[in-house]
Amino acid sequence: CLDVIRERGIRKAVLVAHSKGGLIGKAVLLRQA
C-alpha cells in the first residue's frame, strides 16, 4: 500500500477498507514516513 501511495504521488489520502484491509490500513498509518 505504501509503495502505491508513493509511486502514484498520493497525498492526504483516506484509506477505506474491509476486514483484513482495516488491519493493513492501521499498519500503514503507523508506518508511513
PDB file of all heavy atoms in Angstrom:
ATOM      1  N   CYS A   1       0.831  -1.207   0.000  1.00  0.00           N
ATOM      2  CA  CYS A   1       0.000   0.000   0.000  1.00  0.00           C
ATOM      3  C   CYS A   1       0.863   1.255   0.000  1.00  0.00           C
ATOM      4  O   CYS A   1       0.616   2.195  -0.769  1.00  0.00           O
ATOM      5  CB  CYS A   1      -0.932  -0.013   1.211  1.00  0.00           C
ATOM      6  SG  CYS A   1      -2.058   1.399   1.287  1.00  0.00           S
ATOM      7  N   LEU A   2       1.882   1.281   0.837  1.00  0.00           N
ATOM      8  CA  LEU A   2       2.755   2.445   0.903  1.00  0.00           C
ATOM      9  C   LEU A   2       3.483   2.673  -0.426  1.00  0.00           C
ATOM     10  O   LEU A   2       3.681   3.814  -0.855  1.00  0.00           O
ATOM     11  CB  LEU A   2       3.768   2.270   2.031  1.00  0.00           C
ATOM     12  CG  LEU A   2       3.199   2.445   3.447  1.00  0.00           C
ATOM     13  CD1 LEU A   2       4.177   1.925   4.490  1.00  0.00           C
ATOM     14  CD2 LEU A   2       2.849   3.897   3.715  1.00  0.00           C
ATOM     15  N   ASP A   3       3.857   1.584  -1.097  1.00  0.00           N
ATOM     16  CA  ASP A   3       4.520   1.715  -2.403  1.00  0.00           C
ATOM     17  C   ASP A   3       3.587   2.353  -3.426  1.00  0.00           C
ATOM     18  O   ASP A   3       4.001   3.218  -4.209  1.00  0.00           O
ATOM     19  CB  ASP A   3       4.964   0.335  -2.908  1.00  0.00           C
ATOM     20  CG  ASP A   3       6.146  -0.225  -2.126  1.00  0.00           C
ATOM     21  OD1 ASP A   3       6.799   0.552  -1.404  1.00  0.00           O
ATOM     22  OD2 ASP A   3       6.401  -1.440  -2.227  1.00  0.00           O
ATOM     23  N   VAL A   4       2.319   1.936  -3.439  1.00  0.00           N
ATOM     24  CA  VAL A   4       1.343   2.510  -4.369  1.00  0.00           C
ATOM     25  C   VAL A   4       1.145   3.992  -4.071  1.00  0.00           C
ATOM     26  O   VAL A   4       1.113   4.832  -4.983  1.00  0.00           O
ATOM     27  CB  VAL A   4       0.010   1.744  -4.286  1.00  0.00           C
ATOM     28  CG1 VAL A   4      -1.121   2.545  -4.935  1.00  0.00           C
ATOM     29  CG2 VAL A   4       0.131   0.381  -4.956  1.00  0.00           C
ATOM     30  N   ILE A   5       1.018   4.337  -2.806  1.00  0.00           N
ATOM     31  CA  ILE A   5       0.818   5.737  -2.422  1.00  0.00           C
ATOM     32  C   ILE A   5       1.996   6.591  -2.878  1.00  0.00           C
ATOM     33  O   ILE A   5       1.820   7.686  -3.436  1.00  0.00           O
ATOM     34  CB  ILE A   5       0.611   5.840  -0.899  1.00  0.00           C
ATOM     35  CG1 ILE A   5      -0.766   5.276  -0.515  1.00  0.00           C
ATOM     36  CG2 ILE A   5       0.734   7.288  -0.427  1.00  0.00           C
ATOM     37  CD1 ILE A   5      -1.003   5.182   0.978  1.00  0.00           C
ATOM     38  N   ARG A   6       3.204   6.087  -2.663  1.00  0.00           N
ATOM     39  CA  ARG A   6       4.397   6.842  -3.056  1.00  0.00           C
ATOM     40  C   ARG A   6       4.524   6.934  -4.579  1.00  0.00           C
ATOM     41  O   ARG A   6       4.751   8.016  -5.133  1.00  0.00           O
ATOM     42  CB  ARG A   6       5.644   6.182  -2.472  1.00  0.00           C
ATOM     43  CG  ARG A   6       6.931   6.965  -2.741  1.00  0.00           C
ATOM     44  CD  ARG A   6       8.170   6.236  -2.295  1.00  0.00           C
ATOM     45  NE  ARG A   6       8.418   5.039  -3.084  1.00  0.00           N
ATOM     46  CZ  ARG A   6       8.214   3.795  -2.662  1.00  0.00           C
ATOM     47  NH1 ARG A   6       7.778   3.582  -1.434  1.00  0.00           N
ATOM     48  NH2 ARG A   6       8.467   2.761  -3.438  1.00  0.00           N
ATOM     49  N   GLU A   7       4.393   5.800  -5.265  1.00  0.00           N
ATOM     50  CA  GLU A   7       4.600   5.773  -6.712  1.00  0.00           C
ATOM     51  C   GLU A   7       3.564   6.610  -7.458  1.00  0.00           C
ATOM     52  O   GLU A   7       3.853   7.153  -8.532  1.00  0.00           O
ATOM     53  CB  GLU A   7       4.571   4.327  -7.203  1.00  0.00           C
ATOM     54  CG  GLU A   7       5.772   3.503  -6.725  1.00  0.00           C
ATOM     55  CD  GLU A   7       5.559   2.013  -6.893  1.00  0.00           C
ATOM     56  OE1 GLU A   7       4.512   1.625  -7.479  1.00  0.00           O
ATOM     57  OE2 GLU A   7       6.428   1.242  -6.445  1.00  0.00           O
ATOM     58  N   ARG A   8       2.348   6.727  -6.920  1.00  0.00           N
ATOM     59  CA  ARG A   8       1.290   7.469  -7.600  1.00  0.00           C
ATOM     60  C   ARG A   8       1.158   8.902  -7.078  1.00  0.00           C
ATOM     61  O   ARG A   8       0.243   9.622  -7.466  1.00  0.00           O
ATOM     62  CB  ARG A   8      -0.032   6.716  -7.488  1.00  0.00           C
ATOM     63  CG  ARG A   8       0.051   5.334  -8.134  1.00  0.00           C
ATOM     64  CD  ARG A   8      -1.233   4.546  -8.037  1.00  0.00           C
ATOM     65  NE  ARG A   8      -1.019   3.178  -8.497  1.00  0.00           N
ATOM     66  CZ  ARG A   8      -1.927   2.200  -8.455  1.00  0.00           C
ATOM     67  NH1 ARG A   8      -3.143   2.460  -7.963  1.00  0.00           N
ATOM     68  NH2 ARG A   8      -1.630   0.985  -8.884  1.00  0.00           N
ATOM     69  N   GLY A   9       2.045   9.291  -6.183  1.00  0.00           N
ATOM     70  CA  GLY A   9       2.055  10.665  -5.698  1.00  0.00           C
ATOM     71  C   GLY A   9       0.802  11.053  -4.937  1.00  0.00           C
ATOM     72  O   GLY A   9       0.340  12.196  -5.026  1.00  0.00           O
ATOM     73  N   ILE A  10       0.278  10.143  -4.168  1.00  0.00           N
ATOM     74  CA  ILE A  10      -0.960  10.399  -3.429  1.00  0.00           C
ATOM     75  C   ILE A  10      -0.628  11.111  -2.118  1.00  0.00           C
ATOM     76  O   ILE A  10       0.276  10.711  -1.386  1.00  0.00           O
ATOM     77  CB  ILE A  10      -1.697   9.076  -3.135  1.00  0.00           C
ATOM     78  CG1 ILE A  10      -1.989   8.331  -4.434  1.00  0.00           C
ATOM     79  CG2 ILE A  10      -2.985   9.334  -2.363  1.00  0.00           C
ATOM     80  CD1 ILE A  10      -2.444   6.901  -4.222  1.00  0.00           C
ATOM     81  N   ARG A  11      -1.372  12.159  -1.824  1.00  0.00           N
ATOM     82  CA  ARG A  11      -1.174  12.921  -0.595  1.00  0.00           C
ATOM     83  C   ARG A  11      -2.500  13.098   0.129  1.00  0.00           C
ATOM     84  O   ARG A  11      -3.540  13.282  -0.488  1.00  0.00           O
ATOM     85  CB  ARG A  11      -0.598  14.303  -0.919  1.00  0.00           C
ATOM     86  CG  ARG A  11       0.791  14.270  -1.548  1.00  0.00           C
ATOM     87  CD  ARG A  11       1.863  13.980  -0.536  1.00  0.00           C
ATOM     88  NE  ARG A  11       1.952  15.040   0.469  1.00  0.00           N
ATOM     89  CZ  ARG A  11       2.673  14.929   1.576  1.00  0.00           C
ATOM     90  NH1 ARG A  11       3.307  13.820   1.851  1.00  0.00           N
ATOM     91  NH2 ARG A  11       2.727  15.944   2.436  1.00  0.00           N
ATOM     92  N   LYS A  12      -2.441  13.026   1.446  1.00  0.00           N
ATOM     93  CA  LYS A  12      -3.616  13.251   2.306  1.00  0.00           C
ATOM     94  C   LYS A  12      -4.778  12.332   1.923  1.00  0.00           C
ATOM     95  O   LYS A  12      -5.931  12.763   1.843  1.00  0.00           O
ATOM     96  CB  LYS A  12      -4.026  14.718   2.271  1.00  0.00           C
ATOM     97  CG  LYS A  12      -2.961  15.652   2.824  1.00  0.00           C
ATOM     98  CD  LYS A  12      -3.463  17.088   2.938  1.00  0.00           C
ATOM     99  CE  LYS A  12      -2.404  17.973   3.574  1.00  0.00           C
ATOM    100  NZ  LYS A  12      -2.860  19.374   3.733  1.00  0.00           N
ATOM    101  N   ALA A  13      -4.466  11.071   1.724  1.00  0.00           N
ATOM    102  CA  ALA A  13      -5.495  10.098   1.367  1.00  0.00           C
ATOM    103  C   ALA A  13      -6.222   9.603   2.607  1.00  0.00           C
ATOM    104  O   ALA A  13      -5.687   9.609   3.718  1.00  0.00           O
ATOM    105  CB  ALA A  13      -4.865   8.912   0.640  1.00  0.00           C
ATOM    106  N   VAL A  14      -7.449   9.154   2.404  1.00  0.00           N
ATOM    107  CA  VAL A  14      -8.177   8.400   3.421  1.00  0.00           C
ATOM    108  C   VAL A  14      -8.243   6.959   2.931  1.00  0.00           C
ATOM    109  O   VAL A  14      -8.637   6.695   1.792  1.00  0.00           O
ATOM    110  CB  VAL A  14      -9.588   8.966   3.658  1.00  0.00           C
ATOM    111  CG1 VAL A  14     -10.326   8.103   4.677  1.00  0.00           C
ATOM    112  CG2 VAL A  14      -9.512  10.413   4.160  1.00  0.00           C
ATOM    113  N   LEU A  15      -7.823   6.030   3.765  1.00  0.00           N
ATOM    114  CA  LEU A  15      -7.885   4.616   3.449  1.00  0.00           C
ATOM    115  C   LEU A  15      -9.282   4.098   3.776  1.00  0.00           C
ATOM    116  O   LEU A  15      -9.848   4.433   4.818  1.00  0.00           O
ATOM    117  CB  LEU A  15      -6.841   3.846   4.260  1.00  0.00           C
ATOM    118  CG  LEU A  15      -5.412   4.420   4.249  1.00  0.00           C
ATOM    119  CD1 LEU A  15      -4.523   3.623   5.193  1.00  0.00           C
ATOM    120  CD2 LEU A  15      -4.854   4.431   2.837  1.00  0.00           C
ATOM    121  N   VAL A  16      -9.841   3.306   2.875  1.00  0.00           N
ATOM    122  CA  VAL A  16     -11.158   2.704   3.096  1.00  0.00           C
ATOM    123  C   VAL A  16     -10.997   1.197   2.917  1.00  0.00           C
ATOM    124  O   VAL A  16     -10.469   0.742   1.892  1.00  0.00           O
ATOM    125  CB  VAL A  16     -12.208   3.260   2.116  1.00  0.00           C
ATOM    126  CG1 VAL A  16     -13.522   2.497   2.245  1.00  0.00           C
ATOM    127  CG2 VAL A  16     -12.435   4.751   2.370  1.00  0.00           C
ATOM    128  N   ALA A  17     -11.421   0.437   3.912  1.00  0.00           N
ATOM    129  CA  ALA A  17     -11.053  -0.971   3.938  1.00  0.00           C
ATOM    130  C   ALA A  17     -12.196  -1.873   4.371  1.00  0.00           C
ATOM    131  O   ALA A  17     -13.188  -1.436   4.956  1.00  0.00           O
ATOM    132  CB  ALA A  17      -9.861  -1.165   4.879  1.00  0.00           C
ATOM    133  N   HIS A  18     -11.991  -3.174   4.084  1.00  0.00           N
ATOM    134  CA  HIS A  18     -12.900  -4.218   4.556  1.00  0.00           C
ATOM    135  C   HIS A  18     -12.085  -5.297   5.255  1.00  0.00           C
ATOM    136  O   HIS A  18     -11.045  -5.720   4.750  1.00  0.00           O
ATOM    137  CB  HIS A  18     -13.676  -4.840   3.385  1.00  0.00           C
ATOM    138  CG  HIS A  18     -14.547  -5.994   3.789  1.00  0.00           C
ATOM    139  ND1 HIS A  18     -14.482  -7.235   3.193  1.00  0.00           N
ATOM    140  CD2 HIS A  18     -15.510  -6.090   4.754  1.00  0.00           C
ATOM    141  CE1 HIS A  18     -15.356  -8.035   3.751  1.00  0.00           C
ATOM    142  NE2 HIS A  18     -16.001  -7.366   4.700  1.00  0.00           N
ATOM    143  N   SER A  19     -12.523  -5.718   6.429  1.00  0.00           N
ATOM    144  CA  SER A  19     -11.965  -6.866   7.137  1.00  0.00           C
ATOM    145  C   SER A  19     -10.450  -6.734   7.317  1.00  0.00           C
ATOM    146  O   SER A  19      -9.978  -5.772   7.927  1.00  0.00           O
ATOM    147  CB  SER A  19     -12.351  -8.148   6.390  1.00  0.00           C
ATOM    148  OG  SER A  19     -12.129  -9.284   7.186  1.00  0.00           O
ATOM    149  N   LYS A  20      -9.647  -7.688   6.801  1.00  0.00           N
ATOM    150  CA  LYS A  20      -8.192  -7.607   6.951  1.00  0.00           C
ATOM    151  C   LYS A  20      -7.645  -6.277   6.440  1.00  0.00           C
ATOM    152  O   LYS A  20      -6.633  -5.778   6.950  1.00  0.00           O
ATOM    153  CB  LYS A  20      -7.515  -8.758   6.207  1.00  0.00           C
ATOM    154  CG  LYS A  20      -5.999  -8.704   6.256  1.00  0.00           C
ATOM    155  CD  LYS A  20      -5.352  -9.699   5.305  1.00  0.00           C
ATOM    156  CE  LYS A  20      -3.827  -9.510   5.269  1.00  0.00           C
ATOM    157  NZ  LYS A  20      -3.177 -10.419   4.307  1.00  0.00           N
ATOM    158  N   GLY A  21      -8.310  -5.695   5.438  1.00  0.00           N
ATOM    159  CA  GLY A  21      -7.848  -4.421   4.920  1.00  0.00           C
ATOM    160  C   GLY A  21      -7.740  -3.361   5.988  1.00  0.00           C
ATOM    161  O   GLY A  21      -6.888  -2.464   5.915  1.00  0.00           O
ATOM    162  N   GLY A  22      -8.585  -3.440   7.018  1.00  0.00           N
ATOM    163  CA  GLY A  22      -8.505  -2.474   8.113  1.00  0.00           C
ATOM    164  C   GLY A  22      -7.247  -2.644   8.940  1.00  0.00           C
ATOM    165  O   GLY A  22      -6.673  -1.662   9.426  1.00  0.00           O
ATOM    166  N   LEU A  23      -6.795  -3.884   9.122  1.00  0.00           N
ATOM    167  CA  LEU A  23      -5.531  -4.127   9.820  1.00  0.00           C
ATOM    168  C   LEU A  23      -4.375  -3.571   8.995  1.00  0.00           C
ATOM    169  O   LEU A  23      -3.451  -2.949   9.537  1.00  0.00           O
ATOM    170  CB  LEU A  23      -5.329  -5.623  10.063  1.00  0.00           C
ATOM    171  CG  LEU A  23      -6.418  -6.347  10.859  1.00  0.00           C
ATOM    172  CD1 LEU A  23      -6.053  -7.818  11.012  1.00  0.00           C
ATOM    173  CD2 LEU A  23      -6.623  -5.707  12.225  1.00  0.00           C
ATOM    174  N   ILE A  24      -4.436  -3.780   7.678  1.00  0.00           N
ATOM    175  CA  ILE A  24      -3.418  -3.223   6.790  1.00  0.00           C
ATOM    176  C   ILE A  24      -3.427  -1.696   6.895  1.00  0.00           C
ATOM    177  O   ILE A  24      -2.387  -1.049   6.991  1.00  0.00           O
ATOM    178  CB  ILE A  24      -3.653  -3.653   5.342  1.00  0.00           C
ATOM    179  CG1 ILE A  24      -3.572  -5.183   5.210  1.00  0.00           C
ATOM    180  CG2 ILE A  24      -2.656  -2.989   4.397  1.00  0.00           C
ATOM    181  CD1 ILE A  24      -4.012  -5.699   3.843  1.00  0.00           C
ATOM    182  N   GLY A  25      -4.629  -1.120   6.881  1.00  0.00           N
ATOM    183  CA  GLY A  25      -4.748   0.334   6.941  1.00  0.00           C
ATOM    184  C   GLY A  25      -4.147   0.911   8.208  1.00  0.00           C
ATOM    185  O   GLY A  25      -3.447   1.933   8.174  1.00  0.00           O
ATOM    186  N   LYS A  26      -4.391   0.265   9.352  1.00  0.00           N
ATOM    187  CA  LYS A  26      -3.804   0.757  10.602  1.00  0.00           C
ATOM    188  C   LYS A  26      -2.287   0.651  10.539  1.00  0.00           C
ATOM    189  O   LYS A  26      -1.568   1.565  10.967  1.00  0.00           O
ATOM    190  CB  LYS A  26      -4.347  -0.017  11.802  1.00  0.00           C
ATOM    191  CG  LYS A  26      -3.752   0.489  13.107  1.00  0.00           C
ATOM    192  CD  LYS A  26      -4.319  -0.185  14.340  1.00  0.00           C
ATOM    193  CE  LYS A  26      -3.616   0.338  15.595  1.00  0.00           C
ATOM    194  NZ  LYS A  26      -4.123  -0.274  16.842  1.00  0.00           N
ATOM    195  N   ALA A  27      -1.779  -0.466   9.976  1.00  0.00           N
ATOM    196  CA  ALA A  27      -0.330  -0.629   9.848  1.00  0.00           C
ATOM    197  C   ALA A  27       0.265   0.456   8.958  1.00  0.00           C
ATOM    198  O   ALA A  27       1.366   0.961   9.211  1.00  0.00           O
ATOM    199  CB  ALA A  27      -0.005  -2.012   9.293  1.00  0.00           C
ATOM    200  N   VAL A  28      -0.458   0.857   7.916  1.00  0.00           N
ATOM    201  CA  VAL A  28       0.009   1.928   7.037  1.00  0.00           C
ATOM    202  C   VAL A  28       0.091   3.243   7.805  1.00  0.00           C
ATOM    203  O   VAL A  28       1.080   3.984   7.707  1.00  0.00           O
ATOM    204  CB  VAL A  28      -0.913   2.071   5.811  1.00  0.00           C
ATOM    205  CG1 VAL A  28      -0.616   3.360   5.043  1.00  0.00           C
ATOM    206  CG2 VAL A  28      -0.762   0.865   4.891  1.00  0.00           C
ATOM    207  N   LEU A  29      -0.947   3.564   8.579  1.00  0.00           N
ATOM    208  CA  LEU A  29      -0.930   4.805   9.361  1.00  0.00           C
ATOM    209  C   LEU A  29       0.247   4.832  10.336  1.00  0.00           C
ATOM    210  O   LEU A  29       0.840   5.882  10.583  1.00  0.00           O
ATOM    211  CB  LEU A  29      -2.245   4.953  10.129  1.00  0.00           C
ATOM    212  CG  LEU A  29      -3.526   5.161   9.314  1.00  0.00           C
ATOM    213  CD1 LEU A  29      -4.729   5.288  10.254  1.00  0.00           C
ATOM    214  CD2 LEU A  29      -3.429   6.385   8.424  1.00  0.00           C
ATOM    215  N   LEU A  30       0.593   3.665  10.876  1.00  0.00           N
ATOM    216  CA  LEU A  30       1.683   3.601  11.839  1.00  0.00           C
ATOM    217  C   LEU A  30       3.055   3.690  11.182  1.00  0.00           C
ATOM    218  O   LEU A  30       4.006   4.183  11.787  1.00  0.00           O
ATOM    219  CB  LEU A  30       1.598   2.276  12.618  1.00  0.00           C
ATOM    220  CG  LEU A  30       0.474   2.178  13.658  1.00  0.00           C
ATOM    221  CD1 LEU A  30       0.254   0.731  14.056  1.00  0.00           C
ATOM    222  CD2 LEU A  30       0.811   3.032  14.885  1.00  0.00           C
ATOM    223  N   ARG A  31       3.163   3.217   9.944  1.00  0.00           N
ATOM    224  CA  ARG A  31       4.464   3.063   9.320  1.00  0.00           C
ATOM    225  C   ARG A  31       4.790   4.089   8.244  1.00  0.00           C
ATOM    226  O   ARG A  31       5.885   4.087   7.702  1.00  0.00           O
ATOM    227  CB  ARG A  31       4.595   1.654   8.748  1.00  0.00           C
ATOM    228  CG  ARG A  31       4.732   0.595   9.844  1.00  0.00           C
ATOM    229  CD  ARG A  31       4.169  -0.752   9.396  1.00  0.00           C
ATOM    230  NE  ARG A  31       4.289  -1.754  10.446  1.00  0.00           N
ATOM    231  CZ  ARG A  31       3.508  -1.826  11.531  1.00  0.00           C
ATOM    232  NH1 ARG A  31       2.578  -0.913  11.721  1.00  0.00           N
ATOM    233  NH2 ARG A  31       3.670  -2.777  12.431  1.00  0.00           N
ATOM    234  N   GLN A  32       3.846   4.960   7.906  1.00  0.00           N
ATOM    235  CA  GLN A  32       4.123   5.936   6.851  1.00  0.00           C
ATOM    236  C   GLN A  32       5.209   6.905   7.289  1.00  0.00           C
ATOM    237  O   GLN A  32       5.246   7.343   8.435  1.00  0.00           O
ATOM    238  CB  GLN A  32       2.850   6.682   6.470  1.00  0.00           C
ATOM    239  CG  GLN A  32       2.175   7.424   7.603  1.00  0.00           C
ATOM    240  CD  GLN A  32       0.863   8.058   7.180  1.00  0.00           C
ATOM    241  OE1 GLN A  32       0.555   8.152   6.013  1.00  0.00           O
ATOM    242  NE2 GLN A  32       0.075   8.498   8.147  1.00  0.00           N
ATOM    243  N   ALA A  33       6.104   7.221   6.361  1.00  0.00           N
ATOM    244  CA  ALA A  33       7.229   8.093   6.679  1.00  0.00           C
ATOM    245  C   ALA A  33       6.784   9.537   6.891  1.00  0.00           C
ATOM    246  O   ALA A  33       7.347  10.256   7.715  1.00  0.00           O
ATOM    247  CB  ALA A  33       8.274   8.013   5.564  1.00  0.00           C
TER     248      ALA A  33
END
